[in-house]
Amino acid sequence: MSDPPPAAVAFPDPGSVIYFIFGEKGDGSSSYETVNRSLTTYWYGFPFELDGKRYFSGFVYSGPQKFGEFAGEAMAVSNHETQATISVATFEASVPGSEKPWDFLGAQLYVGDLGRNYEANAIDEDRRPVTYLANDGRYFLAIPTSYLAGGGVNVRTFEVFAMSRGEDGMLWKYLGSVGGGAENNASCDSGPDSAGLPACFDSRGSLAFRAGSDDVMPGIQVLMQGTNVDASGKVVPVHAGAVTEYLYDSGRSKYRQVEHSQ
């Protein structure tokens, strides 16, 4: 008789992720004050596998009043006054039968700045993350997110990160935001009860990483589908095969959209 399959192992909970980053215990919730009374909130949990080993990285974001000396390290200062600062803790799955299911590998107080109004963009649960493994072992992650813009428009985005492995362990870095479409379904003219509202549109982008010339910093392509609104306010289909390209800008340490001449 074969052994029963192992029970599913729960990932590190939000409170534990925050604790391992800042060393401050909360009340068990996913959002509480940490260093310098900065409100820190659990944002995204990412389980992944590399070289046959299972890992989990938990990302959190913090608002203002978060800078100063902490644990002997000088925390980085944001250049974006209204953006949130991203931190991360990474764990490795323990061997079966261990007392603890996850071993703490390390934490980064500063991964990058993103979002608006001191909050990270909301995770879009309707879309899946996209990953890419470069030849040098660098691991890329595009997290689907969204935010509410003016006029009731929900803007879809991808937040792009890269993880490198070296003597200092696994280190994540934020590489910028990439467009992923938009929709206004919650505030558009969808019937008699909503007459007079703007016309409904809904566009959605599918992201893919493409190997670069050295296969270290891949390009990004976003294939758009659905409908958009043109300059006259008319809803029109997205052009078939419409692709937006992004390349890594080493000067800005971010991905930027490629502008094609007309």
C-alpha atoms as a PDB file:
ATOM      1  CA  MET A   1       0.000   0.000   0.000  1.00  0.00           C
ATOM      2  CA  SER A   2       1.387   3.394  -0.984  1.00  0.00           C
ATOM      3  CA  ASP A   3       1.718   6.211   1.509  1.00  0.00           C
ATOM      4  CA  PRO A   4      -1.075   8.798   1.459  1.00  0.00           C
ATOM      5  CA  PRO A   5      -0.232  12.088  -0.235  1.00  0.00           C
ATOM      6  CA  PRO A   6       1.134  14.718   2.147  1.00  0.00           C
ATOM      7  CA  ALA A   7      -1.351  17.230   3.489  1.00  0.00           C
ATOM      8  CA  ALA A   8      -1.276  20.672   1.951  1.00  0.00           C
ATOM      9  CA  VAL A   9       1.112  22.937   3.833  1.00  0.00           C
ATOM     10  CA  ALA A  10      -0.220  26.394   4.669  1.00  0.00           C
ATOM     11  CA  PHE A  11       1.878  29.320   3.522  1.00  0.00           C
ATOM     12  CA  PRO A  12       3.290  31.779   6.068  1.00  0.00           C
ATOM     13  CA  ASP A  13       0.404  33.963   7.262  1.00  0.00           C
ATOM     14  CA  PRO A  14       0.354  37.751   6.736  1.00  0.00           C
ATOM     15  CA  GLY A  15       1.203  38.586  10.350  1.00  0.00           C
ATOM     16  CA  SER A  16       4.218  36.277  10.285  1.00  0.00           C
ATOM     17  CA  VAL A  17       5.488  37.831   7.054  1.00  0.00           C
ATOM     18  CA  ILE A  18       5.320  41.328   8.557  1.00  0.00           C
ATOM     19  CA  TYR A  19       7.006  40.120  11.750  1.00  0.00           C
ATOM     20  CA  PHE A  20       9.919  38.496   9.898  1.00  0.00           C
ATOM     21  CA  ILE A  21      10.525  41.735   7.975  1.00  0.00           C
ATOM     22  CA  PHE A  22      10.281  44.267  10.804  1.00  0.00           C
ATOM     23  CA  GLY A  23      10.612  42.187  13.964  1.00  0.00           C
ATOM     24  CA  GLU A  24       7.472  43.719  15.446  1.00  0.00           C
ATOM     25  CA  LYS A  25       4.537  41.556  16.491  1.00  0.00           C
ATOM     26  CA  GLY A  26       1.052  42.708  15.658  1.00  0.00           C
ATOM     27  CA  ASP A  27      -2.409  41.621  16.700  1.00  0.00           C
ATOM     28  CA  GLY A  28      -2.620  38.777  14.193  1.00  0.00           C
ATOM     29  CA  SER A  29      -4.124  40.981  11.485  1.00  0.00           C
ATOM     30  CA  SER A  30      -2.724  41.604   8.026  1.00  0.00           C
ATOM     31  CA  SER A  31      -2.140  45.317   8.651  1.00  0.00           C
ATOM     32  CA  TYR A  32      -0.571  47.040  11.654  1.00  0.00           C
ATOM     33  CA  GLU A  33       1.916  49.740  12.626  1.00  0.00           C
ATOM     34  CA  THR A  34       5.596  48.884  12.482  1.00  0.00           C
ATOM     35  CA  VAL A  35       8.764  50.992  12.549  1.00  0.00           C
ATOM     36  CA  ASN A  36       8.202  54.729  13.135  1.00  0.00           C
ATOM     37  CA  ARG A  37       4.452  54.043  13.344  1.00  0.00           C
ATOM     38  CA  SER A  38       4.247  53.338   9.636  1.00  0.00           C
ATOM     39  CA  LEU A  39       1.140  51.352   8.707  1.00  0.00           C
ATOM     40  CA  THR A  40       2.347  48.135   7.059  1.00  0.00           C
ATOM     41  CA  THR A  41      -0.084  45.954   5.106  1.00  0.00           C
ATOM     42  CA  TYR A  42       0.306  42.478   3.654  1.00  0.00           C
ATOM     43  CA  TRP A  43       0.000  42.763  -0.134  1.00  0.00           C
ATOM     44  CA  TYR A  44       0.829  39.590  -2.058  1.00  0.00           C
ATOM     45  CA  GLY A  45       2.013  36.051  -1.395  1.00  0.00           C
ATOM     46  CA  PHE A  46       3.930  34.259  -4.131  1.00  0.00           C
ATOM     47  CA  PRO A  47       4.747  30.543  -3.943  1.00  0.00           C
ATOM     48  CA  PHE A  48       7.274  29.326  -6.511  1.00  0.00           C
ATOM     49  CA  GLU A  49       9.671  26.492  -7.260  1.00  0.00           C
ATOM     50  CA  LEU A  50      13.281  26.708  -8.450  1.00  0.00           C
ATOM     51  CA  ASP A  51      15.769  23.866  -8.919  1.00  0.00           C
ATOM     52  CA  GLY A  52      13.358  21.428  -7.290  1.00  0.00           C
ATOM     53  CA  LYS A  53      12.954  23.494  -4.117  1.00  0.00           C
ATOM     54  CA  ARG A  54       9.794  25.259  -3.002  1.00  0.00           C
ATOM     55  CA  TYR A  55       9.833  28.876  -1.852  1.00  0.00           C
ATOM     56  CA  PHE A  56       7.391  31.533  -0.747  1.00  0.00           C
ATOM     57  CA  SER A  57       7.866  35.306  -0.877  1.00  0.00           C
ATOM     58  CA  GLY A  58       5.449  37.519   1.014  1.00  0.00           C
ATOM     59  CA  PHE A  59       5.276  41.150  -0.117  1.00  0.00           C
ATOM     60  CA  VAL A  60       4.032  43.993   2.094  1.00  0.00           C
ATOM     61  CA  TYR A  61       3.681  47.740   1.612  1.00  0.00           C
ATOM     62  CA  SER A  62       4.184  50.583   4.067  1.00  0.00           C
ATOM     63  CA  GLY A  63       2.939  54.162   4.141  1.00  0.00           C
ATOM     64  CA  PRO A  64       4.616  57.353   5.372  1.00  0.00           C
ATOM     65  CA  GLN A  65       6.731  57.829   8.520  1.00  0.00           C
ATOM     66  CA  LYS A  66       8.671  54.692   7.726  1.00  0.00           C
ATOM     67  CA  PHE A  67      12.213  55.961   7.417  1.00  0.00           C
ATOM     68  CA  GLY A  68      15.048  55.959   9.931  1.00  0.00           C
ATOM     69  CA  GLU A  69      17.497  53.634  11.591  1.00  0.00           C
ATOM     70  CA  PHE A  70      16.231  50.110  12.080  1.00  0.00           C
ATOM     71  CA  ALA A  71      18.206  47.082  13.271  1.00  0.00           C
ATOM     72  CA  GLY A  72      21.455  48.871  12.495  1.00  0.00           C
ATOM     73  CA  GLU A  73      20.518  49.534   8.892  1.00  0.00           C
ATOM     74  CA  ALA A  74      19.626  52.835   7.255  1.00  0.00           C
ATOM     75  CA  MET A  75      16.284  52.380   5.528  1.00  0.00           C
ATOM     76  CA  ALA A  76      16.076  53.687   1.973  1.00  0.00           C
ATOM     77  CA  VAL A  77      14.264  56.951   1.364  1.00  0.00           C
ATOM     78  CA  SER A  78      11.477  57.034  -1.208  1.00  0.00           C
ATOM     79  CA  ASN A  79      11.666  59.458  -4.113  1.00  0.00           C
ATOM     80  CA  HIS A  80       7.914  59.231  -4.571  1.00  0.00           C
ATOM     81  CA  GLU A  81       6.184  61.015  -1.712  1.00  0.00           C
ATOM     82  CA  THR A  82       2.760  59.471  -2.244  1.00  0.00           C
ATOM     83  CA  GLN A  83       3.810  55.967  -3.227  1.00  0.00           C
ATOM     84  CA  ALA A  84       4.021  52.999  -0.897  1.00  0.00           C
ATOM     85  CA  THR A  85       7.285  51.242  -0.137  1.00  0.00           C
ATOM     86  CA  ILE A  86       7.474  47.493  -0.819  1.00  0.00           C
ATOM     87  CA  SER A  87       9.276  45.071   1.513  1.00  0.00           C
ATOM     88  CA  VAL A  88       9.502  41.282   1.294  1.00  0.00           C
ATOM     89  CA  ALA A  89      10.269  38.157   3.316  1.00  0.00           C
ATOM     90  CA  THR A  90      11.274  34.887   1.631  1.00  0.00           C
ATOM     91  CA  PHE A  91      10.933  31.354   3.000  1.00  0.00           C
ATOM     92  CA  GLU A  92      11.947  27.860   1.888  1.00  0.00           C
ATOM     93  CA  ALA A  93       9.798  24.791   2.454  1.00  0.00           C
ATOM     94  CA  SER A  94      11.196  22.571   5.219  1.00  0.00           C
ATOM     95  CA  VAL A  95      11.876  18.877   4.734  1.00  0.00           C
ATOM     96  CA  PRO A  96       8.804  16.704   5.409  1.00  0.00           C
ATOM     97  CA  GLY A  97       8.323  15.959   9.074  1.00  0.00           C
ATOM     98  CA  SER A  98       9.977  19.152  10.289  1.00  0.00           C
ATOM     99  CA  GLU A  99       8.476  20.986  13.235  1.00  0.00           C
ATOM    100  CA  LYS A 100       8.044  24.126  11.138  1.00  0.00           C
ATOM    101  CA  PRO A 101       6.784  23.854   7.541  1.00  0.00           C
ATOM    102  CA  TRP A 102       8.795  26.891   6.354  1.00  0.00           C
ATOM    103  CA  ASP A 103      12.341  28.103   7.045  1.00  0.00           C
ATOM    104  CA  PHE A 104      12.943  31.838   6.991  1.00  0.00           C
ATOM    105  CA  LEU A 105      15.630  32.757   4.429  1.00  0.00           C
ATOM    106  CA  GLY A 106      15.763  36.528   4.663  1.00  0.00           C
ATOM    107  CA  ALA A 107      13.954  39.854   4.359  1.00  0.00           C
ATOM    108  CA  GLN A 108      14.394  43.100   2.466  1.00  0.00           C
ATOM    109  CA  LEU A 109      13.169  46.343   3.971  1.00  0.00           C
ATOM    110  CA  TYR A 110      13.233  48.073   0.599  1.00  0.00           C
ATOM    111  CA  VAL A 111      12.349  46.542  -2.772  1.00  0.00           C
ATOM    112  CA  GLY A 112      10.901  49.625  -4.476  1.00  0.00           C
ATOM    113  CA  ASP A 113       8.120  52.231  -4.496  1.00  0.00           C
ATOM    114  CA  LEU A 114       4.790  51.796  -6.251  1.00  0.00           C
ATOM    115  CA  GLY A 115       1.078  52.578  -6.157  1.00  0.00           C
ATOM    116  CA  ARG A 116      -0.574  55.820  -5.090  1.00  0.00           C
ATOM    117  CA  ASN A 117      -1.973  57.478  -1.972  1.00  0.00           C
ATOM    118  CA  TYR A 118       0.485  55.494   0.170  1.00  0.00           C
ATOM    119  CA  GLU A 119      -1.072  52.207  -0.942  1.00  0.00           C
ATOM    120  CA  ALA A 120       0.013  49.563  -3.427  1.00  0.00           C
ATOM    121  CA  ASN A 121      -2.307  48.899  -6.348  1.00  0.00           C
ATOM    122  CA  ALA A 122      -4.927  46.262  -5.562  1.00  0.00           C
ATOM    123  CA  ILE A 123      -4.179  42.664  -6.534  1.00  0.00           C
ATOM    124  CA  ASP A 124      -6.346  41.595  -9.489  1.00  0.00           C
ATOM    125  CA  GLU A 125      -7.524  38.100  -8.563  1.00  0.00           C
ATOM    126  CA  ASP A 126      -9.099  37.587 -12.002  1.00  0.00           C
ATOM    127  CA  ARG A 127      -5.685  37.437 -13.680  1.00  0.00           C
ATOM    128  CA  ARG A 128      -2.754  35.161 -13.011  1.00  0.00           C
ATOM    129  CA  PRO A 129       0.862  36.211 -12.383  1.00  0.00           C
ATOM    130  CA  VAL A 130       3.372  35.700 -15.188  1.00  0.00           C
ATOM    131  CA  THR A 131       6.908  34.425 -14.570  1.00  0.00           C
ATOM    132  CA  TYR A 132      10.102  34.058 -16.579  1.00  0.00           C
ATOM    133  CA  LEU A 133      13.431  32.397 -15.768  1.00  0.00           C
ATOM    134  CA  ALA A 134      16.477  33.900 -17.538  1.00  0.00           C
ATOM    135  CA  ASN A 135      19.557  31.877 -18.426  1.00  0.00           C
ATOM    136  CA  ASP A 136      21.570  33.496 -15.642  1.00  0.00           C
ATOM    137  CA  GLY A 137      19.040  32.318 -13.046  1.00  0.00           C
ATOM    138  CA  ARG A 138      17.294  35.641 -12.578  1.00  0.00           C
ATOM    139  CA  TYR A 139      13.590  35.115 -11.972  1.00  0.00           C
ATOM    140  CA  PHE A 140      11.022  37.622 -13.235  1.00  0.00           C
ATOM    141  CA  LEU A 141       7.525  38.094 -11.860  1.00  0.00           C
ATOM    142  CA  ALA A 142       4.640  40.220 -13.197  1.00  0.00           C
ATOM    143  CA  ILE A 143       1.881  40.638 -10.598  1.00  0.00           C
ATOM    144  CA  PRO A 144      -1.555  41.615 -11.997  1.00  0.00           C
ATOM    145  CA  THR A 145      -2.942  44.685 -10.245  1.00  0.00           C
ATOM    146  CA  SER A 146      -5.485  47.454 -10.786  1.00  0.00           C
ATOM    147  CA  TYR A 147      -6.430  50.891  -9.489  1.00  0.00           C
ATOM    148  CA  LEU A 148      -9.455  53.170  -9.778  1.00  0.00           C
ATOM    149  CA  ALA A 149      -8.860  56.263 -11.894  1.00  0.00           C
ATOM    150  CA  GLY A 150     -11.110  59.241 -12.581  1.00  0.00           C
ATOM    151  CA  GLY A 151     -14.544  58.739 -14.098  1.00  0.00           C
ATOM    152  CA  GLY A 152     -14.994  55.301 -12.616  1.00  0.00           C
ATOM    153  CA  VAL A 153     -12.335  53.743 -14.853  1.00  0.00           C
ATOM    154  CA  ASN A 154     -10.575  50.687 -13.435  1.00  0.00           C
ATOM    155  CA  VAL A 155      -7.028  50.619 -14.835  1.00  0.00           C
ATOM    156  CA  ARG A 156      -5.356  47.223 -15.138  1.00  0.00           C
ATOM    157  CA  THR A 157      -1.605  47.013 -14.626  1.00  0.00           C
ATOM    158  CA  PHE A 158       1.216  44.551 -14.024  1.00  0.00           C
ATOM    159  CA  GLU A 159       3.850  45.237 -11.367  1.00  0.00           C
ATOM    160  CA  VAL A 160       7.163  43.751 -12.545  1.00  0.00           C
ATOM    161  CA  PHE A 161       9.809  42.358 -10.184  1.00  0.00           C
ATOM    162  CA  ALA A 162      13.055  40.443 -10.646  1.00  0.00           C
ATOM    163  CA  MET A 163      14.737  38.136  -8.146  1.00  0.00           C
ATOM    164  CA  SER A 164      18.463  37.421  -8.264  1.00  0.00           C
ATOM    165  CA  ARG A 165      20.332  34.733  -6.352  1.00  0.00           C
ATOM    166  CA  GLY A 166      23.810  35.156  -4.917  1.00  0.00           C
ATOM    167  CA  GLU A 167      25.913  35.175  -1.771  1.00  0.00           C
ATOM    168  CA  ASP A 168      23.387  37.472  -0.102  1.00  0.00           C
ATOM    169  CA  GLY A 169      20.533  35.069  -0.822  1.00  0.00           C
ATOM    170  CA  MET A 170      17.413  35.798  -2.855  1.00  0.00           C
ATOM    171  CA  LEU A 171      17.013  39.509  -3.538  1.00  0.00           C
ATOM    172  CA  TRP A 172      13.923  41.043  -5.143  1.00  0.00           C
ATOM    173  CA  LYS A 173      13.870  44.341  -7.036  1.00  0.00           C
ATOM    174  CA  TYR A 174      10.913  46.321  -8.377  1.00  0.00           C
ATOM    175  CA  LEU A 175      11.233  47.116 -12.098  1.00  0.00           C
ATOM    176  CA  GLY A 176       8.175  49.236 -12.807  1.00  0.00           C
ATOM    177  CA  SER A 177       4.540  49.081 -13.844  1.00  0.00           C
ATOM    178  CA  VAL A 178       3.234  47.864 -17.220  1.00  0.00           C
ATOM    179  CA  GLY A 179      -0.182  48.654 -18.679  1.00  0.00           C
ATOM    180  CA  GLY A 180      -2.748  45.858 -18.867  1.00  0.00           C
ATOM    181  CA  GLY A 181      -5.948  47.485 -20.150  1.00  0.00           C
ATOM    182  CA  ALA A 182      -8.911  49.223 -18.510  1.00  0.00           C
ATOM    183  CA  GLU A 183     -12.682  48.989 -18.038  1.00  0.00           C
ATOM    184  CA  ASN A 184     -15.543  51.112 -16.730  1.00  0.00           C
ATOM    185  CA  ASN A 185     -18.211  48.442 -16.254  1.00  0.00           C
ATOM    186  CA  ALA A 186     -19.235  49.730 -12.825  1.00  0.00           C
ATOM    187  CA  SER A 187     -20.103  53.211 -14.085  1.00  0.00           C
ATOM    188  CA  CYS A 188     -21.137  53.005 -17.740  1.00  0.00           C
ATOM    189  CA  ASP A 189     -24.300  53.029 -19.855  1.00  0.00           C
ATOM    190  CA  SER A 190     -25.232  49.356 -19.658  1.00  0.00           C
ATOM    191  CA  GLY A 191     -29.030  49.711 -19.832  1.00  0.00           C
ATOM    192  CA  PRO A 192     -32.097  51.856 -19.078  1.00  0.00           C
ATOM    193  CA  ASP A 193     -31.081  52.383 -15.449  1.00  0.00           C
ATOM    194  CA  SER A 194     -27.718  53.856 -16.433  1.00  0.00           C
ATOM    195  CA  ALA A 195     -28.699  56.055 -19.366  1.00  0.00           C
ATOM    196  CA  GLY A 196     -26.530  59.147 -19.687  1.00  0.00           C
ATOM    197  CA  LEU A 197     -23.412  57.507 -18.324  1.00  0.00           C
ATOM    198  CA  PRO A 198     -20.330  57.032 -20.532  1.00  0.00           C
ATOM    199  CA  ALA A 199     -20.315  54.159 -23.016  1.00  0.00           C
ATOM    200  CA  CYS A 200     -19.000  50.859 -21.684  1.00  0.00           C
ATOM    201  CA  PHE A 201     -15.566  49.631 -22.692  1.00  0.00           C
ATOM    202  CA  ASP A 202     -13.351  46.803 -21.508  1.00  0.00           C
ATOM    203  CA  SER A 203      -9.813  46.046 -22.660  1.00  0.00           C
ATOM    204  CA  ARG A 204      -7.527  43.402 -21.247  1.00  0.00           C
ATOM    205  CA  GLY A 205      -3.854  42.695 -21.872  1.00  0.00           C
ATOM    206  CA  SER A 206      -2.011  39.375 -21.813  1.00  0.00           C
ATOM    207  CA  LEU A 207       1.647  39.765 -20.794  1.00  0.00           C
ATOM    208  CA  ALA A 208       4.554  37.704 -22.042  1.00  0.00           C
ATOM    209  CA  PHE A 209       8.284  37.990 -21.375  1.00  0.00           C
ATOM    210  CA  ARG A 210      10.533  37.730 -24.436  1.00  0.00           C
ATOM    211  CA  ALA A 211      14.213  36.792 -24.289  1.00  0.00           C
ATOM    212  CA  GLY A 212      16.529  39.736 -24.855  1.00  0.00           C
ATOM    213  CA  SER A 213      19.742  39.700 -26.828  1.00  0.00           C
ATOM    214  CA  ASP A 214      21.662  38.509 -23.766  1.00  0.00           C
ATOM    215  CA  ASP A 215      18.644  36.776 -22.152  1.00  0.00           C
ATOM    216  CA  VAL A 216      19.268  38.690 -18.921  1.00  0.00           C
ATOM    217  CA  MET A 217      16.751  41.528 -19.079  1.00  0.00           C
ATOM    218  CA  PRO A 218      13.899  40.213 -21.207  1.00  0.00           C
ATOM    219  CA  GLY A 219      11.549  42.387 -23.193  1.00  0.00           C
ATOM    220  CA  ILE A 220       7.860  42.516 -22.331  1.00  0.00           C
ATOM    221  CA  GLN A 221       4.967  42.323 -24.777  1.00  0.00           C
ATOM    222  CA  VAL A 222       1.336  42.979 -23.841  1.00  0.00           C
ATOM    223  CA  LEU A 223      -1.268  41.730 -26.344  1.00  0.00           C
ATOM    224  CA  MET A 224      -4.449  43.791 -26.013  1.00  0.00           C
ATOM    225  CA  GLN A 225      -7.991  42.581 -26.649  1.00  0.00           C
ATOM    226  CA  GLY A 226     -11.476  43.986 -26.113  1.00  0.00           C
ATOM    227  CA  THR A 227     -12.785  47.507 -26.645  1.00  0.00           C
ATOM    228  CA  ASN A 228     -11.536  51.064 -26.075  1.00  0.00           C
ATOM    229  CA  VAL A 229     -12.939  54.581 -26.444  1.00  0.00           C
ATOM    230  CA  ASP A 230     -11.574  56.734 -29.260  1.00  0.00           C
ATOM    231  CA  ALA A 231     -11.028  60.511 -29.185  1.00  0.00           C
ATOM    232  CA  SER A 232     -14.665  61.164 -30.147  1.00  0.00           C
ATOM    233  CA  GLY A 233     -15.961  59.056 -27.258  1.00  0.00           C
ATOM    234  CA  LYS A 234     -17.031  56.176 -29.476  1.00  0.00           C
ATOM    235  CA  VAL A 235     -16.402  52.603 -28.336  1.00  0.00           C
ATOM    236  CA  VAL A 236     -14.227  50.774 -30.858  1.00  0.00           C
ATOM    237  CA  PRO A 237     -12.652  47.296 -30.904  1.00  0.00           C
ATOM    238  CA  VAL A 238      -8.988  47.045 -30.027  1.00  0.00           C
ATOM    239  CA  HIS A 239      -7.016  46.625 -33.230  1.00  0.00           C
ATOM    240  CA  ALA A 240      -6.418  42.931 -33.901  1.00  0.00           C
ATOM    241  CA  GLY A 241      -2.920  41.950 -32.896  1.00  0.00           C
ATOM    242  CA  ALA A 242      -2.319  45.190 -30.995  1.00  0.00           C
ATOM    243  CA  VAL A 243       0.862  44.699 -28.966  1.00  0.00           C
ATOM    244  CA  THR A 244       2.523  47.143 -26.605  1.00  0.00           C
ATOM    245  CA  GLU A 245       6.247  46.563 -26.081  1.00  0.00           C
ATOM    246  CA  TYR A 246       8.401  47.416 -23.079  1.00  0.00           C
ATOM    247  CA  LEU A 247      12.182  47.303 -22.701  1.00  0.00           C
ATOM    248  CA  TYR A 248      14.312  47.647 -19.600  1.00  0.00           C
ATOM    249  CA  ASP A 249      15.844  51.105 -19.193  1.00  0.00           C
ATOM    250  CA  SER A 250      19.062  50.632 -17.209  1.00  0.00           C
ATOM    251  CA  GLY A 251      19.322  54.380 -16.578  1.00  0.00           C
ATOM    252  CA  ARG A 252      15.979  54.460 -14.777  1.00  0.00           C
ATOM    253  CA  SER A 253      16.127  50.840 -13.558  1.00  0.00           C
ATOM    254  CA  LYS A 254      12.568  50.420 -14.827  1.00  0.00           C
ATOM    255  CA  TYR A 255      10.750  49.034 -17.830  1.00  0.00           C
ATOM    256  CA  ARG A 256       9.581  51.697 -20.295  1.00  0.00           C
ATOM    257  CA  GLN A 257       7.152  51.550 -23.185  1.00  0.00           C
ATOM    258  CA  VAL A 258       8.710  51.438 -26.641  1.00  0.00           C
ATOM    259  CA  GLU A 259       7.508  54.323 -28.773  1.00  0.00           C
ATOM    260  CA  HIS A 260       7.119  53.366 -32.426  1.00  0.00           C
ATOM    261  CA  SER A 261       7.282  56.051 -35.108  1.00  0.00           C
ATOM    262  CA  GLN A 262       4.138  56.531 -37.134  1.00  0.00           C
END
